[in-house]
PDB file of N, CA and C in Angstrom:
ATOM      1  N   MET A   1       8.588 -10.185 -14.682  1.00  0.00           N
ATOM      2  CA  MET A   1       7.638 -11.174 -14.108  1.00  0.00           C
ATOM      3  C   MET A   1       6.289 -10.705 -14.538  1.00  0.00           C
ATOM      4  N   ASN A   2       5.456 -11.652 -14.918  1.00  0.00           N
ATOM      5  CA  ASN A   2       4.079 -11.378 -15.240  1.00  0.00           C
ATOM      6  C   ASN A   2       3.277 -11.164 -13.972  1.00  0.00           C
ATOM      7  N   ILE A   3       2.370 -10.219 -13.937  1.00  0.00           N
ATOM      8  CA  ILE A   3       1.589  -9.933 -12.732  1.00  0.00           C
ATOM      9  C   ILE A   3       0.830 -11.176 -12.246  1.00  0.00           C
ATOM     10  N   GLU A   4       0.332 -12.002 -13.120  1.00  0.00           N
ATOM     11  CA  GLU A   4      -0.331 -13.238 -12.737  1.00  0.00           C
ATOM     12  C   GLU A   4       0.564 -14.236 -12.028  1.00  0.00           C
ATOM     13  N   GLU A   5       1.911 -14.102 -12.323  1.00  0.00           N
ATOM     14  CA  GLU A   5       2.808 -15.054 -11.644  1.00  0.00           C
ATOM     15  C   GLU A   5       3.418 -14.534 -10.374  1.00  0.00           C
ATOM     16  N   SER A   6       3.161 -13.260 -10.037  1.00  0.00           N
ATOM     17  CA  SER A   6       3.714 -12.765  -8.804  1.00  0.00           C
ATOM     18  C   SER A   6       2.986 -13.243  -7.602  1.00  0.00           C
ATOM     19  N   PRO A   7       3.720 -13.275  -6.447  1.00  0.00           N
ATOM     20  CA  PRO A   7       2.989 -13.741  -5.237  1.00  0.00           C
ATOM     21  C   PRO A   7       1.859 -12.809  -4.893  1.00  0.00           C
ATOM     22  N   ARG A   8       0.758 -13.317  -4.469  1.00  0.00           N
ATOM     23  CA  ARG A   8      -0.388 -12.533  -4.083  1.00  0.00           C
ATOM     24  C   ARG A   8      -0.212 -11.949  -2.703  1.00  0.00           C
ATOM     25  N   ARG A   9      -0.596 -10.646  -2.564  1.00  0.00           N
ATOM     26  CA  ARG A   9      -0.559 -10.007  -1.297  1.00  0.00           C
ATOM     27  C   ARG A   9      -1.962  -9.485  -1.031  1.00  0.00           C
ATOM     28  N   PRO A  10      -2.331  -9.407   0.259  1.00  0.00           N
ATOM     29  CA  PRO A  10      -3.664  -8.829   0.500  1.00  0.00           C
ATOM     30  C   PRO A  10      -3.725  -7.415  -0.011  1.00  0.00           C
ATOM     31  N   ARG A  11      -4.860  -6.999  -0.522  1.00  0.00           N
ATOM     32  CA  ARG A  11      -5.045  -5.660  -1.044  1.00  0.00           C
ATOM     33  C   ARG A  11      -4.960  -4.644   0.119  1.00  0.00           C
ATOM     34  N   GLU A  12      -4.171  -3.596  -0.096  1.00  0.00           N
ATOM     35  CA  GLU A  12      -4.067  -2.577   0.909  1.00  0.00           C
ATOM     36  C   GLU A  12      -4.475  -1.244   0.297  1.00  0.00           C
ATOM     37  N   ASP A  13      -5.554  -0.690   0.718  1.00  0.00           N
ATOM     38  CA  ASP A  13      -5.963   0.589   0.279  1.00  0.00           C
ATOM     39  C   ASP A  13      -5.642   1.633   1.308  1.00  0.00           C
ATOM     40  N   HIS A  14      -5.198   2.784   0.881  1.00  0.00           N
ATOM     41  CA  HIS A  14      -4.915   3.908   1.735  1.00  0.00           C
ATOM     42  C   HIS A  14      -5.623   5.141   1.277  1.00  0.00           C
ATOM     43  N   PRO A  15      -6.945   5.130   1.403  1.00  0.00           N
ATOM     44  CA  PRO A  15      -7.704   6.300   0.897  1.00  0.00           C
ATOM     45  C   PRO A  15      -7.492   7.502   1.779  1.00  0.00           C
ATOM     46  N   ARG A  16      -7.435   8.691   1.157  1.00  0.00           N
ATOM     47  CA  ARG A  16      -7.325   9.943   1.869  1.00  0.00           C
ATOM     48  C   ARG A  16      -8.451  10.846   1.284  1.00  0.00           C
ATOM     49  N   ARG A  17      -9.103  11.548   2.161  1.00  0.00           N
ATOM     50  CA  ARG A  17     -10.051  12.537   1.782  1.00  0.00           C
ATOM     51  C   ARG A  17      -9.860  13.758   2.536  1.00  0.00           C
ATOM     52  N   ASP A  18      -8.914  14.564   2.040  1.00  0.00           N
ATOM     53  CA  ASP A  18      -8.532  15.808   2.644  1.00  0.00           C
ATOM     54  C   ASP A  18      -9.325  16.989   2.110  1.00  0.00           C
ATOM     55  N   PRO A  19      -9.556  18.006   2.880  1.00  0.00           N
ATOM     56  CA  PRO A  19     -10.303  19.122   2.378  1.00  0.00           C
ATOM     57  C   PRO A  19      -9.738  19.722   1.112  1.00  0.00           C
ATOM     58  N   PRO A  20     -10.494  19.875   0.061  1.00  0.00           N
ATOM     59  CA  PRO A  20      -9.964  20.367  -1.222  1.00  0.00           C
ATOM     60  C   PRO A  20      -9.358  21.802  -1.095  1.00  0.00           C
ATOM     61  N   ALA A  21      -9.849  22.514  -0.163  1.00  0.00           N
ATOM     62  CA  ALA A  21      -9.343  23.950  -0.023  1.00  0.00           C
ATOM     63  C   ALA A  21      -7.852  23.997   0.356  1.00  0.00           C
ATOM     64  N   THR A  22      -7.375  22.925   1.103  1.00  0.00           N
ATOM     65  CA  THR A  22      -5.983  22.965   1.480  1.00  0.00           C
ATOM     66  C   THR A  22      -4.987  22.515   0.380  1.00  0.00           C
ATOM     67  N   GLY A  23      -5.510  21.794  -0.609  1.00  0.00           N
ATOM     68  CA  GLY A  23      -4.641  21.227  -1.574  1.00  0.00           C
ATOM     69  C   GLY A  23      -3.861  20.021  -0.966  1.00  0.00           C
ATOM     70  N   LEU A  24      -2.848  19.594  -1.627  1.00  0.00           N
ATOM     71  CA  LEU A  24      -2.072  18.452  -1.205  1.00  0.00           C
ATOM     72  C   LEU A  24      -0.894  19.044  -0.377  1.00  0.00           C
ATOM     73  N   LEU A  25      -0.892  18.732   0.865  1.00  0.00           N
ATOM     74  CA  LEU A  25       0.164  19.226   1.738  1.00  0.00           C
ATOM     75  C   LEU A  25       1.234  18.181   1.944  1.00  0.00           C
ATOM     76  N   GLY A  26       2.406  18.623   2.368  1.00  0.00           N
ATOM     77  CA  GLY A  26       3.521  17.675   2.629  1.00  0.00           C
ATOM     78  C   GLY A  26       3.162  16.693   3.682  1.00  0.00           C
ATOM     79  N   SER A  27       2.363  17.131   4.680  1.00  0.00           N
ATOM     80  CA  SER A  27       1.951  16.179   5.787  1.00  0.00           C
ATOM     81  C   SER A  27       1.048  15.090   5.237  1.00  0.00           C
ATOM     82  N   HIS A  28       0.224  15.381   4.226  1.00  0.00           N
ATOM     83  CA  HIS A  28      -0.592  14.399   3.594  1.00  0.00           C
ATOM     84  C   HIS A  28       0.242  13.342   2.896  1.00  0.00           C
ATOM     85  N   CYS A  29       1.286  13.813   2.156  1.00  0.00           N
ATOM     86  CA  CYS A  29       2.164  12.967   1.416  1.00  0.00           C
ATOM     87  C   CYS A  29       2.910  12.035   2.423  1.00  0.00           C
ATOM     88  N   ARG A  30       3.403  12.643   3.477  1.00  0.00           N
ATOM     89  CA  ARG A  30       4.164  11.808   4.451  1.00  0.00           C
ATOM     90  C   ARG A  30       3.325  10.790   5.085  1.00  0.00           C
ATOM     91  N   ALA A  31       2.044  11.154   5.419  1.00  0.00           N
ATOM     92  CA  ALA A  31       1.165  10.179   6.042  1.00  0.00           C
ATOM     93  C   ALA A  31       0.909   9.013   5.135  1.00  0.00           C
ATOM     94  N   LEU A  32       0.720   9.343   3.842  1.00  0.00           N
ATOM     95  CA  LEU A  32       0.521   8.211   2.869  1.00  0.00           C
ATOM     96  C   LEU A  32       1.778   7.356   2.738  1.00  0.00           C
ATOM     97  N   ALA A  33       2.908   8.007   2.623  1.00  0.00           N
ATOM     98  CA  ALA A  33       4.173   7.322   2.456  1.00  0.00           C
ATOM     99  C   ALA A  33       4.447   6.430   3.647  1.00  0.00           C
ATOM    100  N   PHE A  34       4.242   6.898   4.876  1.00  0.00           N
ATOM    101  CA  PHE A  34       4.491   6.069   6.035  1.00  0.00           C
ATOM    102  C   PHE A  34       3.496   4.901   6.080  1.00  0.00           C
ATOM    103  N   GLY A  35       2.221   5.146   5.650  1.00  0.00           N
ATOM    104  CA  GLY A  35       1.206   4.155   5.604  1.00  0.00           C
ATOM    105  C   GLY A  35       1.581   3.034   4.646  1.00  0.00           C
ATOM    106  N   LEU A  36       2.352   3.387   3.600  1.00  0.00           N
ATOM    107  CA  LEU A  36       2.803   2.395   2.605  1.00  0.00           C
ATOM    108  C   LEU A  36       4.088   1.708   3.067  1.00  0.00           C
ATOM    109  N   GLY A  37       4.633   2.125   4.169  1.00  0.00           N
ATOM    110  CA  GLY A  37       5.850   1.529   4.700  1.00  0.00           C
ATOM    111  C   GLY A  37       7.104   2.093   4.056  1.00  0.00           C
ATOM    112  N   LEU A  38       7.044   3.250   3.491  1.00  0.00           N
ATOM    113  CA  LEU A  38       8.222   3.851   2.879  1.00  0.00           C
ATOM    114  C   LEU A  38       9.114   4.484   3.926  1.00  0.00           C
ATOM    115  N   LYS A  39      10.417   4.574   3.666  1.00  0.00           N
ATOM    116  CA  LYS A  39      11.364   5.088   4.659  1.00  0.00           C
ATOM    117  C   LYS A  39      12.427   5.925   3.937  1.00  0.00           C
ATOM    118  N   GLY A  40      13.025   6.825   4.675  1.00  0.00           N
ATOM    119  CA  GLY A  40      14.172   7.572   4.154  1.00  0.00           C
ATOM    120  C   GLY A  40      13.871   8.292   2.864  1.00  0.00           C
ATOM    121  N   PRO A  41      14.770   8.161   1.890  1.00  0.00           N
ATOM    122  CA  PRO A  41      14.610   8.911   0.624  1.00  0.00           C
ATOM    123  C   PRO A  41      13.378   8.567  -0.151  1.00  0.00           C
ATOM    124  N   GLN A  42      12.820   7.414   0.112  1.00  0.00           N
ATOM    125  CA  GLN A  42      11.570   7.011  -0.549  1.00  0.00           C
ATOM    126  C   GLN A  42      10.451   7.905  -0.275  1.00  0.00           C
ATOM    127  N   VAL A  43      10.416   8.484   0.926  1.00  0.00           N
ATOM    128  CA  VAL A  43       9.314   9.373   1.349  1.00  0.00           C
ATOM    129  C   VAL A  43       9.320  10.604   0.442  1.00  0.00           C
ATOM    130  N   ALA A  44      10.507  11.172   0.246  1.00  0.00           N
ATOM    131  CA  ALA A  44      10.657  12.399  -0.610  1.00  0.00           C
ATOM    132  C   ALA A  44      10.290  12.028  -2.058  1.00  0.00           C
ATOM    133  N   GLN A  45      10.741  10.871  -2.520  1.00  0.00           N
ATOM    134  CA  GLN A  45      10.395  10.463  -3.860  1.00  0.00           C
ATOM    135  C   GLN A  45       8.914  10.269  -4.000  1.00  0.00           C
ATOM    136  N   PHE A  46       8.271   9.679  -3.015  1.00  0.00           N
ATOM    137  CA  PHE A  46       6.844   9.502  -3.052  1.00  0.00           C
ATOM    138  C   PHE A  46       6.103  10.804  -3.109  1.00  0.00           C
ATOM    139  N   GLU A  47       6.589  11.785  -2.313  1.00  0.00           N
ATOM    140  CA  GLU A  47       5.968  13.118  -2.320  1.00  0.00           C
ATOM    141  C   GLU A  47       5.953  13.722  -3.693  1.00  0.00           C
ATOM    142  N   SER A  48       7.104  13.579  -4.401  1.00  0.00           N
ATOM    143  CA  SER A  48       7.153  14.089  -5.755  1.00  0.00           C
ATOM    144  C   SER A  48       6.169  13.372  -6.696  1.00  0.00           C
ATOM    145  N   ILE A  49       6.051  12.109  -6.560  1.00  0.00           N
ATOM    146  CA  ILE A  49       5.040  11.321  -7.333  1.00  0.00           C
ATOM    147  C   ILE A  49       3.660  11.721  -7.012  1.00  0.00           C
ATOM    148  N   ALA A  50       3.350  11.826  -5.702  1.00  0.00           N
ATOM    149  CA  ALA A  50       2.020  12.207  -5.277  1.00  0.00           C
ATOM    150  C   ALA A  50       1.620  13.609  -5.736  1.00  0.00           C
ATOM    151  N   ARG A  51       2.541  14.511  -5.689  1.00  0.00           N
ATOM    152  CA  ARG A  51       2.248  15.895  -6.155  1.00  0.00           C
ATOM    153  C   ARG A  51       1.992  15.870  -7.691  1.00  0.00           C
ATOM    154  N   GLY A  52       2.696  15.070  -8.430  1.00  0.00           N
ATOM    155  CA  GLY A  52       2.461  14.939  -9.806  1.00  0.00           C
ATOM    156  C   GLY A  52       1.080  14.293 -10.156  1.00  0.00           C
ATOM    157  N   LEU A  53       0.703  13.296  -9.339  1.00  0.00           N
ATOM    158  CA  LEU A  53      -0.654  12.710  -9.513  1.00  0.00           C
ATOM    159  C   LEU A  53      -1.712  13.718  -9.133  1.00  0.00           C
ATOM    160  N   TYR A  54      -1.476  14.477  -8.072  1.00  0.00           N
ATOM    161  CA  TYR A  54      -2.449  15.486  -7.718  1.00  0.00           C
ATOM    162  C   TYR A  54      -2.685  16.561  -8.818  1.00  0.00           C
ATOM    163  N   LYS A  55      -1.542  16.954  -9.404  1.00  0.00           N
ATOM    164  CA  LYS A  55      -1.597  17.888 -10.551  1.00  0.00           C
ATOM    165  C   LYS A  55      -2.422  17.259 -11.699  1.00  0.00           C
ATOM    166  N   LEU A  56      -2.164  16.015 -11.978  1.00  0.00           N
ATOM    167  CA  LEU A  56      -2.868  15.318 -13.021  1.00  0.00           C
ATOM    168  C   LEU A  56      -4.370  15.282 -12.701  1.00  0.00           C
ATOM    169  N   TYR A  57      -4.663  15.012 -11.454  1.00  0.00           N
ATOM    170  CA  TYR A  57      -6.069  14.971 -10.961  1.00  0.00           C
ATOM    171  C   TYR A  57      -6.751  16.337 -11.249  1.00  0.00           C
ATOM    172  N   LEU A  58      -6.083  17.419 -10.888  1.00  0.00           N
ATOM    173  CA  LEU A  58      -6.653  18.729 -11.081  1.00  0.00           C
ATOM    174  C   LEU A  58      -6.790  19.130 -12.559  1.00  0.00           C
ATOM    175  N   GLU A  59      -5.759  18.875 -13.320  1.00  0.00           N
ATOM    176  CA  GLU A  59      -5.708  19.325 -14.723  1.00  0.00           C
ATOM    177  C   GLU A  59      -6.621  18.471 -15.653  1.00  0.00           C
ATOM    178  N   CYS A  60      -6.756  17.198 -15.362  1.00  0.00           N
ATOM    179  CA  CYS A  60      -7.535  16.289 -16.217  1.00  0.00           C
ATOM    180  C   CYS A  60      -8.874  15.881 -15.598  1.00  0.00           C
ATOM    181  N   ASP A  61      -9.202  16.474 -14.482  1.00  0.00           N
ATOM    182  CA  ASP A  61     -10.479  16.159 -13.777  1.00  0.00           C
ATOM    183  C   ASP A  61     -10.622  14.654 -13.555  1.00  0.00           C
ATOM    184  N   ALA A  62      -9.485  14.039 -13.186  1.00  0.00           N
ATOM    185  CA  ALA A  62      -9.483  12.606 -12.885  1.00  0.00           C
ATOM    186  C   ALA A  62     -10.133  12.388 -11.515  1.00  0.00           C
ATOM    187  N   SER A  63     -11.059  11.479 -11.441  1.00  0.00           N
ATOM    188  CA  SER A  63     -11.769  11.212 -10.158  1.00  0.00           C
ATOM    189  C   SER A  63     -11.087  10.016  -9.404  1.00  0.00           C
ATOM    190  N   LEU A  64     -10.262   9.273 -10.103  1.00  0.00           N
ATOM    191  CA  LEU A  64      -9.657   8.099  -9.502  1.00  0.00           C
ATOM    192  C   LEU A  64      -8.301   7.845 -10.108  1.00  0.00           C
ATOM    193  N   VAL A  65      -7.360   7.599  -9.261  1.00  0.00           N
ATOM    194  CA  VAL A  65      -6.001   7.221  -9.697  1.00  0.00           C
ATOM    195  C   VAL A  65      -5.675   5.949  -8.970  1.00  0.00           C
ATOM    196  N   GLU A  66      -5.208   4.935  -9.667  1.00  0.00           N
ATOM    197  CA  GLU A  66      -4.781   3.684  -9.038  1.00  0.00           C
ATOM    198  C   GLU A  66      -3.342   3.439  -9.280  1.00  0.00           C
ATOM    199  N   ILE A  67      -2.645   3.068  -8.227  1.00  0.00           N
ATOM    200  CA  ILE A  67      -1.231   2.765  -8.352  1.00  0.00           C
ATOM    201  C   ILE A  67      -1.061   1.310  -8.019  1.00  0.00           C
ATOM    202  N   ASN A  68      -0.485   0.532  -8.889  1.00  0.00           N
ATOM    203  CA  ASN A  68      -0.277  -0.886  -8.660  1.00  0.00           C
ATOM    204  C   ASN A  68       1.242  -1.027  -8.420  1.00  0.00           C
ATOM    205  N   ARG A  69       1.554  -1.740  -7.368  1.00  0.00           N
ATOM    206  CA  ARG A  69       2.991  -1.996  -7.087  1.00  0.00           C
ATOM    207  C   ARG A  69       3.329  -3.403  -7.265  1.00  0.00           C
TER     208      ARG A  69
END
């Protein structure tokens, strides 16, 4: 399906600004996952994805990452 043909949903942003000294904690990932409405095994899968994005952020000095669903 083309993105322009998909049903429109209201934009949902879930910004997090956690202290950089702590790094990305499991509790941060779970809070984001639950905020996105994920349940069960999806939460663990999301944590894996979030940790990969965080690693990308650190290694490539990325200031913004956008995930489109």
